[in-house]
Amino acid sequence: MTTPAIEFNERLDEPIRWSHTEPRDAAGSNMKVAPEAVSRALGVPIATIPDGGIDPAIRDLVPAPLAYQYQLVPIRRVGGFLTVAMTDPTDQAAIRAVEAATGLEVLPAVAAPSTILRAIAQVALAA
């Protein structure tokens, strides 16, 4: 198995700024970061979305407009915790918005934008 090329900022003194779609370095230039690299760097799990889609009871916890706005989807609920697949697991505004909408504490997980958009499309088709 080959390891995909991962481009990211190697300078530890230069913080990464995130947008909702792509990470950016401190100068504002686009960087491509694989979910695996984000997972390692931030210590958040990599989200996996089941082949059969997201359980409707979980899917419906987050309104579709919120999912689109922040590029995220809920994938698992355990008690008062909701695991949310996100393109940017550091986005505190997104986390607060989901917590306000659901009343649950969010546990962020990282996923590639294409994975999130596929899952959001499934949500839209189910609505």
C-alpha atoms as a PDB file:
ATOM      1  CA  MET A   1       0.000   0.000   0.000  1.00  0.00           C
ATOM      2  CA  THR A   2       1.346   3.432  -0.910  1.00  0.00           C
ATOM      3  CA  THR A   3       1.155   6.364   1.439  1.00  0.00           C
ATOM      4  CA  PRO A   4      -0.509   9.434  -0.077  1.00  0.00           C
ATOM      5  CA  ALA A   5       1.516  12.596  -0.276  1.00  0.00           C
ATOM      6  CA  ILE A   6       0.639  14.980   2.509  1.00  0.00           C
ATOM      7  CA  GLU A   7       1.403  18.673   2.235  1.00  0.00           C
ATOM      8  CA  PHE A   8       1.386  20.691   5.406  1.00  0.00           C
ATOM      9  CA  ASN A   9       3.240  23.453   7.134  1.00  0.00           C
ATOM     10  CA  GLU A  10       6.402  22.011   8.686  1.00  0.00           C
ATOM     11  CA  ARG A  11       7.208  25.213  10.586  1.00  0.00           C
ATOM     12  CA  LEU A  12       6.081  24.698  14.156  1.00  0.00           C
ATOM     13  CA  ASP A  13       6.385  28.405  14.908  1.00  0.00           C
ATOM     14  CA  GLU A  14       3.812  29.276  12.235  1.00  0.00           C
ATOM     15  CA  PRO A  15       0.250  28.466  13.337  1.00  0.00           C
ATOM     16  CA  ILE A  16      -2.301  26.969  11.004  1.00  0.00           C
ATOM     17  CA  ARG A  17      -5.432  29.039  10.383  1.00  0.00           C
ATOM     18  CA  TRP A  18      -8.455  27.063   9.268  1.00  0.00           C
ATOM     19  CA  SER A  19     -11.303  28.001   7.003  1.00  0.00           C
ATOM     20  CA  HIS A  20     -14.456  25.972   6.594  1.00  0.00           C
ATOM     21  CA  THR A  21     -13.148  24.355   3.446  1.00  0.00           C
ATOM     22  CA  GLU A  22      -9.361  24.246   3.555  1.00  0.00           C
ATOM     23  CA  PRO A  23      -6.642  24.837   6.118  1.00  0.00           C
ATOM     24  CA  ARG A  24      -4.485  27.882   5.554  1.00  0.00           C
ATOM     25  CA  ASP A  25      -1.088  28.782   6.900  1.00  0.00           C
ATOM     26  CA  ALA A  26      -0.424  32.018   8.803  1.00  0.00           C
ATOM     27  CA  ALA A  27       0.186  33.844   5.516  1.00  0.00           C
ATOM     28  CA  GLY A  28      -3.255  32.767   4.292  1.00  0.00           C
ATOM     29  CA  SER A  29      -2.073  30.424   1.551  1.00  0.00           C
ATOM     30  CA  ASN A  30      -3.986  27.201   0.895  1.00  0.00           C
ATOM     31  CA  MET A  31      -2.562  23.970   2.228  1.00  0.00           C
ATOM     32  CA  LYS A  32      -3.774  20.465   1.516  1.00  0.00           C
ATOM     33  CA  VAL A  33      -3.887  18.390   4.660  1.00  0.00           C
ATOM     34  CA  ALA A  34      -4.963  14.766   4.758  1.00  0.00           C
ATOM     35  CA  PRO A  35      -7.413  13.857   7.547  1.00  0.00           C
ATOM     36  CA  GLU A  36      -4.776  11.462   8.904  1.00  0.00           C
ATOM     37  CA  ALA A  37      -2.317  14.330   9.407  1.00  0.00           C
ATOM     38  CA  VAL A  38      -4.975  16.476  11.094  1.00  0.00           C
ATOM     39  CA  SER A  39      -5.929  13.553  13.313  1.00  0.00           C
ATOM     40  CA  ARG A  40      -2.339  13.047  14.423  1.00  0.00           C
ATOM     41  CA  ALA A  41      -1.646  16.749  14.902  1.00  0.00           C
ATOM     42  CA  LEU A  42      -4.791  17.497  16.892  1.00  0.00           C
ATOM     43  CA  GLY A  43      -5.402  14.156  18.562  1.00  0.00           C
ATOM     44  CA  VAL A  44      -8.925  13.818  17.162  1.00  0.00           C
ATOM     45  CA  PRO A  45     -10.257  10.617  15.621  1.00  0.00           C
ATOM     46  CA  ILE A  46     -10.811  10.137  11.909  1.00  0.00           C
ATOM     47  CA  ALA A  47     -14.518   9.893  11.177  1.00  0.00           C
ATOM     48  CA  THR A  48     -15.892   6.933   9.325  1.00  0.00           C
ATOM     49  CA  ILE A  49     -19.312   7.141   7.770  1.00  0.00           C
ATOM     50  CA  PRO A  50     -21.081   3.791   7.380  1.00  0.00           C
ATOM     51  CA  ASP A  51     -21.656   2.555   3.824  1.00  0.00           C
ATOM     52  CA  GLY A  52     -25.386   2.455   4.482  1.00  0.00           C
ATOM     53  CA  GLY A  53     -25.353   6.114   5.485  1.00  0.00           C
ATOM     54  CA  ILE A  54     -26.017   7.736   8.810  1.00  0.00           C
ATOM     55  CA  ASP A  55     -28.785   6.456  11.084  1.00  0.00           C
ATOM     56  CA  PRO A  56     -31.761   8.809  10.494  1.00  0.00           C
ATOM     57  CA  ALA A  57     -32.214   9.293  14.254  1.00  0.00           C
ATOM     58  CA  ILE A  58     -28.646  10.638  14.440  1.00  0.00           C
ATOM     59  CA  ARG A  59     -28.724  12.416  11.079  1.00  0.00           C
ATOM     60  CA  ASP A  60     -31.815  14.425  12.013  1.00  0.00           C
ATOM     61  CA  LEU A  61     -30.239  15.834  15.188  1.00  0.00           C
ATOM     62  CA  VAL A  62     -28.414  18.520  13.174  1.00  0.00           C
ATOM     63  CA  PRO A  63     -30.463  20.682  10.786  1.00  0.00           C
ATOM     64  CA  ALA A  64     -29.296  20.460   7.159  1.00  0.00           C
ATOM     65  CA  PRO A  65     -28.558  24.221   6.866  1.00  0.00           C
ATOM     66  CA  LEU A  66     -26.205  23.954   9.846  1.00  0.00           C
ATOM     67  CA  ALA A  67     -24.508  20.906   8.327  1.00  0.00           C
ATOM     68  CA  TYR A  68     -24.004  22.772   5.038  1.00  0.00           C
ATOM     69  CA  GLN A  69     -22.798  25.971   6.686  1.00  0.00           C
ATOM     70  CA  TYR A  70     -20.108  24.283   8.772  1.00  0.00           C
ATOM     71  CA  GLN A  71     -19.461  21.201   6.598  1.00  0.00           C
ATOM     72  CA  LEU A  72     -20.221  18.651   9.273  1.00  0.00           C
ATOM     73  CA  VAL A  73     -22.461  15.661   9.951  1.00  0.00           C
ATOM     74  CA  PRO A  74     -23.364  13.871  13.169  1.00  0.00           C
ATOM     75  CA  ILE A  75     -22.310  10.229  13.087  1.00  0.00           C
ATOM     76  CA  ARG A  76     -22.815   8.775  16.557  1.00  0.00           C
ATOM     77  CA  ARG A  77     -24.607   9.529  19.812  1.00  0.00           C
ATOM     78  CA  VAL A  78     -23.728   8.002  23.154  1.00  0.00           C
ATOM     79  CA  GLY A  79     -25.640   9.419  26.095  1.00  0.00           C
ATOM     80  CA  GLY A  80     -25.171  13.182  26.174  1.00  0.00           C
ATOM     81  CA  PHE A  81     -22.334  13.118  23.620  1.00  0.00           C
ATOM     82  CA  LEU A  82     -22.574  13.546  19.851  1.00  0.00           C
ATOM     83  CA  THR A  83     -19.657  12.598  17.608  1.00  0.00           C
ATOM     84  CA  VAL A  84     -19.568  14.944  14.645  1.00  0.00           C
ATOM     85  CA  ALA A  85     -17.538  14.428  11.464  1.00  0.00           C
ATOM     86  CA  MET A  86     -16.090  17.802  10.504  1.00  0.00           C
ATOM     87  CA  THR A  87     -13.750  19.175   7.891  1.00  0.00           C
ATOM     88  CA  ASP A  88     -12.359  21.477  10.590  1.00  0.00           C
ATOM     89  CA  PRO A  89     -12.467  19.919  14.067  1.00  0.00           C
ATOM     90  CA  THR A  90     -11.017  23.130  15.572  1.00  0.00           C
ATOM     91  CA  ASP A  91     -13.994  25.273  14.495  1.00  0.00           C
ATOM     92  CA  GLN A  92     -15.373  26.363  17.858  1.00  0.00           C
ATOM     93  CA  ALA A  93     -18.253  28.314  16.282  1.00  0.00           C
ATOM     94  CA  ALA A  94     -19.428  25.123  14.552  1.00  0.00           C
ATOM     95  CA  ILE A  95     -19.100  23.090  17.732  1.00  0.00           C
ATOM     96  CA  ARG A  96     -21.055  25.689  19.743  1.00  0.00           C
ATOM     97  CA  ALA A  97     -23.757  25.867  17.047  1.00  0.00           C
ATOM     98  CA  VAL A  98     -24.244  22.085  17.062  1.00  0.00           C
ATOM     99  CA  GLU A  99     -24.271  21.993  20.861  1.00  0.00           C
ATOM    100  CA  ALA A 100     -26.894  24.753  20.926  1.00  0.00           C
ATOM    101  CA  ALA A 101     -29.029  23.004  18.300  1.00  0.00           C
ATOM    102  CA  THR A 102     -28.849  19.568  19.922  1.00  0.00           C
ATOM    103  CA  GLY A 103     -28.295  20.142  23.621  1.00  0.00           C
ATOM    104  CA  LEU A 104     -25.494  17.560  23.410  1.00  0.00           C
ATOM    105  CA  GLU A 105     -21.767  17.877  23.967  1.00  0.00           C
ATOM    106  CA  VAL A 106     -19.891  17.592  20.662  1.00  0.00           C
ATOM    107  CA  LEU A 107     -16.962  15.244  20.207  1.00  0.00           C
ATOM    108  CA  PRO A 108     -15.290  16.366  16.963  1.00  0.00           C
ATOM    109  CA  ALA A 109     -13.808  13.928  14.459  1.00  0.00           C
ATOM    110  CA  VAL A 110     -12.060  14.857  11.219  1.00  0.00           C
ATOM    111  CA  ALA A 111     -13.103  13.816   7.729  1.00  0.00           C
ATOM    112  CA  ALA A 112     -12.166  14.832   4.214  1.00  0.00           C
ATOM    113  CA  PRO A 113     -14.409  17.502   2.658  1.00  0.00           C
ATOM    114  CA  SER A 114     -15.544  15.025  -0.018  1.00  0.00           C
ATOM    115  CA  THR A 115     -16.668  12.577   2.677  1.00  0.00           C
ATOM    116  CA  ILE A 116     -18.628  15.283   4.483  1.00  0.00           C
ATOM    117  CA  LEU A 117     -20.243  16.581   1.285  1.00  0.00           C
ATOM    118  CA  ARG A 118     -21.301  13.048   0.297  1.00  0.00           C
ATOM    119  CA  ALA A 119     -22.909  12.544   3.699  1.00  0.00           C
ATOM    120  CA  ILE A 120     -24.643  15.946   3.565  1.00  0.00           C
ATOM    121  CA  ALA A 121     -26.000  15.066   0.118  1.00  0.00           C
ATOM    122  CA  GLN A 122     -27.480  11.882   1.604  1.00  0.00           C
ATOM    123  CA  VAL A 123     -29.104  14.012   4.312  1.00  0.00           C
ATOM    124  CA  ALA A 124     -30.588  16.336   1.690  1.00  0.00           C
ATOM    125  CA  LEU A 125     -31.903  13.425  -0.371  1.00  0.00           C
ATOM    126  CA  ALA A 126     -33.520  11.877   2.699  1.00  0.00           C
ATOM    127  CA  ALA A 127     -35.300  15.119   3.628  1.00  0.00           C
END
